[in-house]
All heavy atoms as atom14 arrays in JSON, in Angstrom:
{
  "sequence": "LTAAGGCGGGGEHGCAEDLVCEIVNDDGTSNGHCWGRCVPEPPEGLP",
  "atom14_mask": [
    [1, 1, 1, 1, 1, 1, 1, 1, 0, 0, 0, 0, 0, 0],
    [1, 1, 1, 1, 1, 1, 1, 0, 0, 0, 0, 0, 0, 0],
    [1, 1, 1, 1, 1, 0, 0, 0, 0, 0, 0, 0, 0, 0],
    [1, 1, 1, 1, 1, 0, 0, 0, 0, 0, 0, 0, 0, 0],
    [1, 1, 1, 1, 0, 0, 0, 0, 0, 0, 0, 0, 0, 0],
    [1, 1, 1, 1, 0, 0, 0, 0, 0, 0, 0, 0, 0, 0],
    [1, 1, 1, 1, 1, 1, 0, 0, 0, 0, 0, 0, 0, 0],
    [1, 1, 1, 1, 0, 0, 0, 0, 0, 0, 0, 0, 0, 0],
    [1, 1, 1, 1, 0, 0, 0, 0, 0, 0, 0, 0, 0, 0],
    [1, 1, 1, 1, 0, 0, 0, 0, 0, 0, 0, 0, 0, 0],
    [1, 1, 1, 1, 0, 0, 0, 0, 0, 0, 0, 0, 0, 0],
    [1, 1, 1, 1, 1, 1, 1, 1, 1, 0, 0, 0, 0, 0],
    [1, 1, 1, 1, 1, 1, 1, 1, 1, 1, 0, 0, 0, 0],
    [1, 1, 1, 1, 0, 0, 0, 0, 0, 0, 0, 0, 0, 0],
    [1, 1, 1, 1, 1, 1, 0, 0, 0, 0, 0, 0, 0, 0],
    [1, 1, 1, 1, 1, 0, 0, 0, 0, 0, 0, 0, 0, 0],
    [1, 1, 1, 1, 1, 1, 1, 1, 1, 0, 0, 0, 0, 0],
    [1, 1, 1, 1, 1, 1, 1, 1, 0, 0, 0, 0, 0, 0],
    [1, 1, 1, 1, 1, 1, 1, 1, 0, 0, 0, 0, 0, 0],
    [1, 1, 1, 1, 1, 1, 1, 0, 0, 0, 0, 0, 0, 0],
    [1, 1, 1, 1, 1, 1, 0, 0, 0, 0, 0, 0, 0, 0],
    [1, 1, 1, 1, 1, 1, 1, 1, 1, 0, 0, 0, 0, 0],
    [1, 1, 1, 1, 1, 1, 1, 1, 0, 0, 0, 0, 0, 0],
    [1, 1, 1, 1, 1, 1, 1, 0, 0, 0, 0, 0, 0, 0],
    [1, 1, 1, 1, 1, 1, 1, 1, 0, 0, 0, 0, 0, 0],
    [1, 1, 1, 1, 1, 1, 1, 1, 0, 0, 0, 0, 0, 0],
    [1, 1, 1, 1, 1, 1, 1, 1, 0, 0, 0, 0, 0, 0],
    [1, 1, 1, 1, 0, 0, 0, 0, 0, 0, 0, 0, 0, 0],
    [1, 1, 1, 1, 1, 1, 1, 0, 0, 0, 0, 0, 0, 0],
    [1, 1, 1, 1, 1, 1, 0, 0, 0, 0, 0, 0, 0, 0],
    [1, 1, 1, 1, 1, 1, 1, 1, 0, 0, 0, 0, 0, 0],
    [1, 1, 1, 1, 0, 0, 0, 0, 0, 0, 0, 0, 0, 0],
    [1, 1, 1, 1, 1, 1, 1, 1, 1, 1, 0, 0, 0, 0],
    [1, 1, 1, 1, 1, 1, 0, 0, 0, 0, 0, 0, 0, 0],
    [1, 1, 1, 1, 1, 1, 1, 1, 1, 1, 1, 1, 1, 1],
    [1, 1, 1, 1, 0, 0, 0, 0, 0, 0, 0, 0, 0, 0],
    [1, 1, 1, 1, 1, 1, 1, 1, 1, 1, 1, 0, 0, 0],
    [1, 1, 1, 1, 1, 1, 0, 0, 0, 0, 0, 0, 0, 0],
    [1, 1, 1, 1, 1, 1, 1, 0, 0, 0, 0, 0, 0, 0],
    [1, 1, 1, 1, 1, 1, 1, 0, 0, 0, 0, 0, 0, 0],
    [1, 1, 1, 1, 1, 1, 1, 1, 1, 0, 0, 0, 0, 0],
    [1, 1, 1, 1, 1, 1, 1, 0, 0, 0, 0, 0, 0, 0],
    [1, 1, 1, 1, 1, 1, 1, 0, 0, 0, 0, 0, 0, 0],
    [1, 1, 1, 1, 1, 1, 1, 1, 1, 0, 0, 0, 0, 0],
    [1, 1, 1, 1, 0, 0, 0, 0, 0, 0, 0, 0, 0, 0],
    [1, 1, 1, 1, 1, 1, 1, 1, 0, 0, 0, 0, 0, 0],
    [1, 1, 1, 1, 1, 1, 1, 0, 0, 0, 0, 0, 0, 0]
  ],
  "atom14_positions": [
    [[-72.83, -24.55, 31.64], [-74.25, -24.66, 31.32], [-74.53, -24.0, 29.99], [-74.09, -22.89, 29.72], [-75.07, -23.97, 32.42], [-75.2, -24.74, 33.72], [-75.84, -23.85, 34.77], [-76.0, -25.99, 33.54], [0.0, 0.0, 0.0], [0.0, 0.0, 0.0], [0.0, 0.0, 0.0], [0.0, 0.0, 0.0], [0.0, 0.0, 0.0], [0.0, 0.0, 0.0]],
    [[-75.29, -24.66, 29.19], [-75.75, -24.08, 27.93], [-77.25, -24.25, 27.84], [-77.83, -25.09, 28.52], [-75.09, -24.75, 26.71], [-75.44, -26.12, 26.7], [-73.58, -24.62, 26.76], [0.0, 0.0, 0.0], [0.0, 0.0, 0.0], [0.0, 0.0, 0.0], [0.0, 0.0, 0.0], [0.0, 0.0, 0.0], [0.0, 0.0, 0.0], [0.0, 0.0, 0.0]],
    [[-77.88, -23.48, 27.03], [-79.33, -23.54, 26.93], [-79.74, -23.48, 25.48], [-79.04, -22.92, 24.63], [-79.98, -22.39, 27.7], [0.0, 0.0, 0.0], [0.0, 0.0, 0.0], [0.0, 0.0, 0.0], [0.0, 0.0, 0.0], [0.0, 0.0, 0.0], [0.0, 0.0, 0.0], [0.0, 0.0, 0.0], [0.0, 0.0, 0.0], [0.0, 0.0, 0.0]],
    [[-80.91, -24.0, 25.23], [-81.43, -23.99, 23.88], [-82.11, -22.68, 23.56], [-82.3, -22.33, 22.4], [-82.4, -25.15, 23.67], [0.0, 0.0, 0.0], [0.0, 0.0, 0.0], [0.0, 0.0, 0.0], [0.0, 0.0, 0.0], [0.0, 0.0, 0.0], [0.0, 0.0, 0.0], [0.0, 0.0, 0.0], [0.0, 0.0, 0.0], [0.0, 0.0, 0.0]],
    [[-82.51, -21.94, 24.58], [-83.2, -20.68, 24.36], [-82.56, -19.57, 25.16], [-81.65, -19.79, 25.94], [0.0, 0.0, 0.0], [0.0, 0.0, 0.0], [0.0, 0.0, 0.0], [0.0, 0.0, 0.0], [0.0, 0.0, 0.0], [0.0, 0.0, 0.0], [0.0, 0.0, 0.0], [0.0, 0.0, 0.0], [0.0, 0.0, 0.0], [0.0, 0.0, 0.0]],
    [[-83.03, -18.34, 25.01], [-82.45, -17.2, 25.71], [-82.88, -17.14, 27.13], [-83.77, -17.83, 27.58], [0.0, 0.0, 0.0], [0.0, 0.0, 0.0], [0.0, 0.0, 0.0], [0.0, 0.0, 0.0], [0.0, 0.0, 0.0], [0.0, 0.0, 0.0], [0.0, 0.0, 0.0], [0.0, 0.0, 0.0], [0.0, 0.0, 0.0], [0.0, 0.0, 0.0]],
    [[-82.23, -16.22, 27.89], [-82.51, -16.12, 29.31], [-83.82, -15.42, 29.59], [-84.39, -15.56, 30.64], [-81.37, -15.38, 30.02], [-79.92, -16.39, 30.22], [0.0, 0.0, 0.0], [0.0, 0.0, 0.0], [0.0, 0.0, 0.0], [0.0, 0.0, 0.0], [0.0, 0.0, 0.0], [0.0, 0.0, 0.0], [0.0, 0.0, 0.0], [0.0, 0.0, 0.0]],
    [[-84.28, -14.66, 28.75], [-85.55, -14.0, 29.03], [-86.36, -13.79, 27.8], [-87.22, -12.93, 27.75], [0.0, 0.0, 0.0], [0.0, 0.0, 0.0], [0.0, 0.0, 0.0], [0.0, 0.0, 0.0], [0.0, 0.0, 0.0], [0.0, 0.0, 0.0], [0.0, 0.0, 0.0], [0.0, 0.0, 0.0], [0.0, 0.0, 0.0], [0.0, 0.0, 0.0]],
    [[-86.04, -14.51, 26.79], [-86.75, -14.33, 25.54], [-86.19, -13.19, 24.73], [-86.7, -12.84, 23.69], [0.0, 0.0, 0.0], [0.0, 0.0, 0.0], [0.0, 0.0, 0.0], [0.0, 0.0, 0.0], [0.0, 0.0, 0.0], [0.0, 0.0, 0.0], [0.0, 0.0, 0.0], [0.0, 0.0, 0.0], [0.0, 0.0, 0.0], [0.0, 0.0, 0.0]],
    [[-85.13, -12.51, 25.21], [-84.59, -11.35, 24.53], [-83.63, -11.71, 23.42], [-83.17, -10.84, 22.7], [0.0, 0.0, 0.0], [0.0, 0.0, 0.0], [0.0, 0.0, 0.0], [0.0, 0.0, 0.0], [0.0, 0.0, 0.0], [0.0, 0.0, 0.0], [0.0, 0.0, 0.0], [0.0, 0.0, 0.0], [0.0, 0.0, 0.0], [0.0, 0.0, 0.0]],
    [[-83.3, -12.97, 23.25], [-82.37, -13.33, 22.19], [-82.17, -14.82, 22.17], [-82.5, -15.52, 23.1], [0.0, 0.0, 0.0], [0.0, 0.0, 0.0], [0.0, 0.0, 0.0], [0.0, 0.0, 0.0], [0.0, 0.0, 0.0], [0.0, 0.0, 0.0], [0.0, 0.0, 0.0], [0.0, 0.0, 0.0], [0.0, 0.0, 0.0], [0.0, 0.0, 0.0]],
    [[-81.69, -15.28, 21.05], [-81.42, -16.7, 20.91], [-79.96, -16.98, 21.18], [-79.09, -16.2, 20.83], [-81.79, -17.16, 19.49], [-83.27, -17.06, 19.17], [-84.1, -17.98, 20.04], [-83.59, -19.04, 20.42], [-85.25, -17.62, 20.36], [0.0, 0.0, 0.0], [0.0, 0.0, 0.0], [0.0, 0.0, 0.0], [0.0, 0.0, 0.0], [0.0, 0.0, 0.0]],
    [[-79.69, -18.12, 21.83], [-78.33, -18.53, 22.15], [-78.06, -19.85, 21.45], [-78.9, -20.74, 21.47], [-78.14, -18.71, 23.66], [-78.15, -17.41, 24.41], [-77.02, -16.81, 24.9], [-79.2, -16.59, 24.74], [-77.34, -15.68, 25.52], [-78.67, -15.53, 25.43], [0.0, 0.0, 0.0], [0.0, 0.0, 0.0], [0.0, 0.0, 0.0], [0.0, 0.0, 0.0]],
    [[-76.89, -19.98, 20.88], [-76.51, -21.26, 20.29], [-76.17, -22.25, 21.38], [-75.86, -21.88, 22.51], [0.0, 0.0, 0.0], [0.0, 0.0, 0.0], [0.0, 0.0, 0.0], [0.0, 0.0, 0.0], [0.0, 0.0, 0.0], [0.0, 0.0, 0.0], [0.0, 0.0, 0.0], [0.0, 0.0, 0.0], [0.0, 0.0, 0.0], [0.0, 0.0, 0.0]],
    [[-76.2, -23.53, 21.03], [-75.98, -24.57, 22.03], [-74.57, -24.52, 22.59], [-74.32, -25.07, 23.66], [-76.23, -25.95, 21.41], [-77.99, -26.25, 21.1], [0.0, 0.0, 0.0], [0.0, 0.0, 0.0], [0.0, 0.0, 0.0], [0.0, 0.0, 0.0], [0.0, 0.0, 0.0], [0.0, 0.0, 0.0], [0.0, 0.0, 0.0], [0.0, 0.0, 0.0]],
    [[-73.62, -23.93, 21.9], [-72.24, -23.91, 22.38], [-71.94, -22.71, 23.24], [-70.85, -22.6, 23.8], [-71.27, -23.96, 21.19], [0.0, 0.0, 0.0], [0.0, 0.0, 0.0], [0.0, 0.0, 0.0], [0.0, 0.0, 0.0], [0.0, 0.0, 0.0], [0.0, 0.0, 0.0], [0.0, 0.0, 0.0], [0.0, 0.0, 0.0], [0.0, 0.0, 0.0]],
    [[-72.88, -21.78, 23.36], [-72.61, -20.57, 24.13], [-72.77, -20.84, 25.62], [-73.64, -21.58, 26.03], [-73.58, -19.46, 23.72], [-73.4, -19.0, 22.27], [-74.36, -17.85, 21.96], [-74.47, -16.95, 22.8], [-74.98, -17.87, 20.89], [0.0, 0.0, 0.0], [0.0, 0.0, 0.0], [0.0, 0.0, 0.0], [0.0, 0.0, 0.0], [0.0, 0.0, 0.0]],
    [[-71.9, -20.18, 26.44], [-72.05, -20.26, 27.88], [-73.3, -19.53, 28.32], [-73.59, -18.43, 27.85], [-70.84, -19.64, 28.58], [-69.61, -20.51, 28.44], [-69.78, -21.68, 28.04], [-68.51, -20.01, 28.71], [0.0, 0.0, 0.0], [0.0, 0.0, 0.0], [0.0, 0.0, 0.0], [0.0, 0.0, 0.0], [0.0, 0.0, 0.0], [0.0, 0.0, 0.0]],
    [[-74.02, -20.11, 29.21], [-75.2, -19.46, 29.76], [-74.76, -18.49, 30.85], [-74.1, -18.89, 31.8], [-76.15, -20.52, 30.35], [-77.48, -19.99, 30.86], [-78.31, -19.48, 29.7], [-78.22, -21.09, 31.58], [0.0, 0.0, 0.0], [0.0, 0.0, 0.0], [0.0, 0.0, 0.0], [0.0, 0.0, 0.0], [0.0, 0.0, 0.0], [0.0, 0.0, 0.0]],
    [[-75.13, -17.25, 30.73], [-74.7, -16.24, 31.69], [-75.85, -15.72, 32.51], [-75.72, -14.72, 33.2], [-73.99, -15.07, 30.95], [-72.71, -15.56, 30.3], [-74.91, -14.45, 29.9], [0.0, 0.0, 0.0], [0.0, 0.0, 0.0], [0.0, 0.0, 0.0], [0.0, 0.0, 0.0], [0.0, 0.0, 0.0], [0.0, 0.0, 0.0], [0.0, 0.0, 0.0]],
    [[-76.99, -16.38, 32.42], [-78.15, -15.93, 33.19], [-77.91, -16.14, 34.68], [-77.3, -17.11, 35.09], [-79.39, -16.72, 32.78], [-79.58, -16.92, 31.02], [0.0, 0.0, 0.0], [0.0, 0.0, 0.0], [0.0, 0.0, 0.0], [0.0, 0.0, 0.0], [0.0, 0.0, 0.0], [0.0, 0.0, 0.0], [0.0, 0.0, 0.0], [0.0, 0.0, 0.0]],
    [[-78.44, -15.26, 35.48], [-78.33, -15.41, 36.93], [-79.5, -16.25, 37.42], [-80.64, -16.02, 37.04], [-78.33, -14.05, 37.62], [-78.15, -14.17, 39.13], [-78.17, -12.81, 39.81], [-78.73, -11.88, 39.25], [-77.64, -12.73, 40.93], [0.0, 0.0, 0.0], [0.0, 0.0, 0.0], [0.0, 0.0, 0.0], [0.0, 0.0, 0.0], [0.0, 0.0, 0.0]],
    [[-79.2, -17.22, 38.27], [-80.22, -18.07, 38.87], [-80.52, -17.51, 40.26], [-79.61, -17.23, 41.04], [-79.74, -19.52, 38.98], [-79.22, -20.01, 37.63], [-80.86, -20.42, 39.49], [-80.25, -19.99, 36.53], [0.0, 0.0, 0.0], [0.0, 0.0, 0.0], [0.0, 0.0, 0.0], [0.0, 0.0, 0.0], [0.0, 0.0, 0.0], [0.0, 0.0, 0.0]],
    [[-81.79, -17.36, 40.55], [-82.2, -16.76, 41.82], [-82.84, -17.83, 42.69], [-83.71, -18.58, 42.24], [-83.19, -15.61, 41.59], [-83.59, -14.98, 42.93], [-82.58, -14.56, 40.67], [0.0, 0.0, 0.0], [0.0, 0.0, 0.0], [0.0, 0.0, 0.0], [0.0, 0.0, 0.0], [0.0, 0.0, 0.0], [0.0, 0.0, 0.0], [0.0, 0.0, 0.0]],
    [[-82.38, -17.94, 43.94], [-82.93, -18.9, 44.89], [-84.31, -18.48, 45.36], [-84.73, -17.32, 45.16], [-82.0, -19.04, 46.1], [-80.66, -19.62, 45.71], [-80.6, -20.58, 44.97], [-79.6, -19.03, 46.23], [0.0, 0.0, 0.0], [0.0, 0.0, 0.0], [0.0, 0.0, 0.0], [0.0, 0.0, 0.0], [0.0, 0.0, 0.0], [0.0, 0.0, 0.0]],
    [[-85.01, -19.4, 45.99], [-86.35, -19.09, 46.49], [-86.35, -17.96, 47.5], [-87.34, -17.24, 47.64], [-86.97, -20.34, 47.14], [-87.31, -21.4, 46.1], [-87.49, -21.03, 44.93], [-87.36, -22.58, 46.46], [0.0, 0.0, 0.0], [0.0, 0.0, 0.0], [0.0, 0.0, 0.0], [0.0, 0.0, 0.0], [0.0, 0.0, 0.0], [0.0, 0.0, 0.0]],
    [[-85.23, -17.81, 48.23], [-85.17, -16.73, 49.23], [-84.68, -15.42, 48.64], [-84.41, -14.47, 49.37], [-84.28, -17.16, 50.4], [-82.85, -17.45, 49.97], [-82.54, -17.28, 48.77], [-82.05, -17.86, 50.83], [0.0, 0.0, 0.0], [0.0, 0.0, 0.0], [0.0, 0.0, 0.0], [0.0, 0.0, 0.0], [0.0, 0.0, 0.0], [0.0, 0.0, 0.0]],
    [[-84.56, -15.38, 47.32], [-84.16, -14.14, 46.67], [-82.67, -13.96, 46.5], [-82.23, -13.01, 45.84], [0.0, 0.0, 0.0], [0.0, 0.0, 0.0], [0.0, 0.0, 0.0], [0.0, 0.0, 0.0], [0.0, 0.0, 0.0], [0.0, 0.0, 0.0], [0.0, 0.0, 0.0], [0.0, 0.0, 0.0], [0.0, 0.0, 0.0], [0.0, 0.0, 0.0]],
    [[-81.87, -14.86, 47.08], [-80.42, -14.74, 46.94], [-79.97, -15.32, 45.61], [-80.66, -16.14, 44.99], [-79.7, -15.45, 48.09], [-80.07, -16.84, 48.06], [-80.1, -14.86, 49.43], [0.0, 0.0, 0.0], [0.0, 0.0, 0.0], [0.0, 0.0, 0.0], [0.0, 0.0, 0.0], [0.0, 0.0, 0.0], [0.0, 0.0, 0.0], [0.0, 0.0, 0.0]],
    [[-78.82, -14.9, 45.18], [-78.3, -15.36, 43.9], [-77.62, -16.72, 44.05], [-76.88, -16.96, 45.0], [-77.29, -14.35, 43.35], [-76.66, -14.86, 42.19], [0.0, 0.0, 0.0], [0.0, 0.0, 0.0], [0.0, 0.0, 0.0], [0.0, 0.0, 0.0], [0.0, 0.0, 0.0], [0.0, 0.0, 0.0], [0.0, 0.0, 0.0], [0.0, 0.0, 0.0]],
    [[-77.9, -17.57, 43.09], [-77.2, -18.86, 43.01], [-76.16, -18.82, 41.89], [-75.7, -19.86, 41.41], [-78.2, -19.99, 42.74], [-77.71, -21.34, 43.26], [-77.3, -21.43, 44.42], [-77.74, -22.36, 42.42], [0.0, 0.0, 0.0], [0.0, 0.0, 0.0], [0.0, 0.0, 0.0], [0.0, 0.0, 0.0], [0.0, 0.0, 0.0], [0.0, 0.0, 0.0]],
    [[-75.83, -17.61, 41.5], [-74.86, -17.47, 40.41], [-75.44, -17.99, 39.12], [-76.61, -17.73, 38.8], [0.0, 0.0, 0.0], [0.0, 0.0, 0.0], [0.0, 0.0, 0.0], [0.0, 0.0, 0.0], [0.0, 0.0, 0.0], [0.0, 0.0, 0.0], [0.0, 0.0, 0.0], [0.0, 0.0, 0.0], [0.0, 0.0, 0.0], [0.0, 0.0, 0.0]],
    [[-74.67, -18.72, 38.38], [-75.13, -19.32, 37.13], [-75.29, -20.84, 37.28], [-75.2, -21.58, 36.31], [-74.14, -19.02, 36.01], [-73.8, -17.56, 35.91], [-74.75, -16.58, 35.76], [-72.61, -16.91, 35.97], [-74.18, -15.39, 35.71], [-72.86, -15.56, 35.85], [0.0, 0.0, 0.0], [0.0, 0.0, 0.0], [0.0, 0.0, 0.0], [0.0, 0.0, 0.0]],
    [[-75.52, -21.29, 38.51], [-75.59, -22.73, 38.81], [-77.04, -23.19, 38.84], [-77.8, -22.76, 39.72], [-74.92, -23.02, 40.16], [-75.15, -24.73, 40.73], [0.0, 0.0, 0.0], [0.0, 0.0, 0.0], [0.0, 0.0, 0.0], [0.0, 0.0, 0.0], [0.0, 0.0, 0.0], [0.0, 0.0, 0.0], [0.0, 0.0, 0.0], [0.0, 0.0, 0.0]],
    [[-77.42, -24.01, 37.87], [-78.73, -24.66, 37.94], [-78.52, -25.99, 38.65], [-78.31, -27.03, 38.07], [-79.3, -24.86, 36.55], [-80.69, -25.43, 36.58], [-81.07, -26.67, 36.23], [-81.88, -24.77, 36.98], [-82.4, -26.86, 36.4], [-82.94, -25.69, 36.86], [-82.16, -23.49, 37.47], [-84.25, -25.37, 37.19], [-83.47, -23.18, 37.78], [-84.5, -24.11, 37.64]],
    [[-78.52, -25.93, 39.97], [-78.22, -27.07, 40.83], [-78.06, -26.56, 42.24], [-78.58, -25.49, 42.6], [0.0, 0.0, 0.0], [0.0, 0.0, 0.0], [0.0, 0.0, 0.0], [0.0, 0.0, 0.0], [0.0, 0.0, 0.0], [0.0, 0.0, 0.0], [0.0, 0.0, 0.0], [0.0, 0.0, 0.0], [0.0, 0.0, 0.0], [0.0, 0.0, 0.0]],
    [[-77.31, -27.25, 43.04], [-77.06, -26.8, 44.41], [-75.6, -26.41, 44.55], [-74.7, -27.17, 44.18], [-77.39, -27.88, 45.43], [-77.17, -27.36, 46.87], [-77.75, -28.23, 47.92], [-77.6, -27.59, 49.24], [-77.97, -28.12, 50.39], [-78.52, -29.32, 50.41], [-77.81, -27.47, 51.53], [0.0, 0.0, 0.0], [0.0, 0.0, 0.0], [0.0, 0.0, 0.0]],
    [[-75.39, -25.22, 45.08], [-74.04, -24.77, 45.37], [-73.63, -25.28, 46.75], [-74.35, -25.08, 47.73], [-73.95, -23.25, 45.33], [-74.07, -22.58, 43.65], [0.0, 0.0, 0.0], [0.0, 0.0, 0.0], [0.0, 0.0, 0.0], [0.0, 0.0, 0.0], [0.0, 0.0, 0.0], [0.0, 0.0, 0.0], [0.0, 0.0, 0.0], [0.0, 0.0, 0.0]],
    [[-72.5, -25.95, 46.8], [-72.03, -26.55, 48.04], [-70.6, -26.13, 48.29], [-69.86, -25.78, 47.36], [-72.13, -28.09, 47.97], [-73.56, -28.54, 47.76], [-71.24, -28.65, 46.87], [0.0, 0.0, 0.0], [0.0, 0.0, 0.0], [0.0, 0.0, 0.0], [0.0, 0.0, 0.0], [0.0, 0.0, 0.0], [0.0, 0.0, 0.0], [0.0, 0.0, 0.0]],
    [[-70.16, -26.15, 49.56], [-68.78, -25.75, 49.86], [-67.77, -26.66, 49.16], [-67.91, -27.88, 49.14], [-68.69, -25.89, 51.38], [-70.1, -25.82, 51.87], [-70.93, -26.44, 50.79], [0.0, 0.0, 0.0], [0.0, 0.0, 0.0], [0.0, 0.0, 0.0], [0.0, 0.0, 0.0], [0.0, 0.0, 0.0], [0.0, 0.0, 0.0], [0.0, 0.0, 0.0]],
    [[-66.78, -26.06, 48.59], [-65.71, -26.8, 47.95], [-64.79, -27.36, 49.03], [-64.4, -26.64, 49.94], [-64.94, -25.89, 47.0], [-63.9, -26.6, 46.16], [-63.27, -25.67, 45.15], [-63.32, -24.44, 45.38], [-62.73, -26.16, 44.16], [0.0, 0.0, 0.0], [0.0, 0.0, 0.0], [0.0, 0.0, 0.0], [0.0, 0.0, 0.0], [0.0, 0.0, 0.0]],
    [[-64.43, -28.64, 48.97], [-63.58, -29.21, 50.02], [-62.15, -28.69, 49.89], [-61.71, -28.29, 48.8], [-63.65, -30.71, 49.75], [-63.91, -30.81, 48.29], [-64.79, -29.64, 47.95], [0.0, 0.0, 0.0], [0.0, 0.0, 0.0], [0.0, 0.0, 0.0], [0.0, 0.0, 0.0], [0.0, 0.0, 0.0], [0.0, 0.0, 0.0], [0.0, 0.0, 0.0]],
    [[-61.42, -28.69, 50.99], [-60.0, -28.34, 50.91], [-59.27, -29.28, 49.94], [-59.7, -30.41, 49.7], [-59.5, -28.52, 52.35], [-60.73, -28.42, 53.19], [-61.85, -28.97, 52.37], [0.0, 0.0, 0.0], [0.0, 0.0, 0.0], [0.0, 0.0, 0.0], [0.0, 0.0, 0.0], [0.0, 0.0, 0.0], [0.0, 0.0, 0.0], [0.0, 0.0, 0.0]],
    [[-58.19, -28.78, 49.4], [-57.45, -29.56, 48.42], [-57.01, -30.9, 49.01], [-56.52, -30.99, 50.13], [-56.21, -28.76, 47.96], [-55.45, -29.44, 46.83], [-54.3, -28.6, 46.32], [-54.16, -27.44, 46.79], [-53.55, -29.08, 45.47], [0.0, 0.0, 0.0], [0.0, 0.0, 0.0], [0.0, 0.0, 0.0], [0.0, 0.0, 0.0], [0.0, 0.0, 0.0]],
    [[-57.23, -31.94, 48.24], [-56.83, -33.28, 48.66], [-57.89, -34.05, 49.41], [-57.72, -35.24, 49.68], [0.0, 0.0, 0.0], [0.0, 0.0, 0.0], [0.0, 0.0, 0.0], [0.0, 0.0, 0.0], [0.0, 0.0, 0.0], [0.0, 0.0, 0.0], [0.0, 0.0, 0.0], [0.0, 0.0, 0.0], [0.0, 0.0, 0.0], [0.0, 0.0, 0.0]],
    [[-58.99, -33.38, 49.78], [-60.07, -34.07, 50.49], [-61.19, -34.45, 49.53], [-61.33, -33.85, 48.46], [-60.61, -33.19, 51.62], [-59.63, -32.93, 52.78], [-60.3, -32.1, 53.85], [-59.12, -34.25, 53.37], [0.0, 0.0, 0.0], [0.0, 0.0, 0.0], [0.0, 0.0, 0.0], [0.0, 0.0, 0.0], [0.0, 0.0, 0.0], [0.0, 0.0, 0.0]],
    [[-62.02, -35.45, 49.88], [-63.03, -35.95, 48.95], [-64.04, -34.89, 48.53], [-64.42, -34.01, 49.33], [-63.71, -37.07, 49.74], [-62.71, -37.48, 50.78], [-61.97, -36.23, 51.13], [0.0, 0.0, 0.0], [0.0, 0.0, 0.0], [0.0, 0.0, 0.0], [0.0, 0.0, 0.0], [0.0, 0.0, 0.0], [0.0, 0.0, 0.0], [0.0, 0.0, 0.0]]
  ]
}
């Protein structure tokens, strides 16, 4: 994930920089740095 602006207005990030901001779910839990849905990874070889 990259962003055009900073995570809190505290600095500017270039388009090539990794976004390291923490994403917080509605229930207050961390979604890591995933702007999307975190889902279980399937076992190796499965769809």
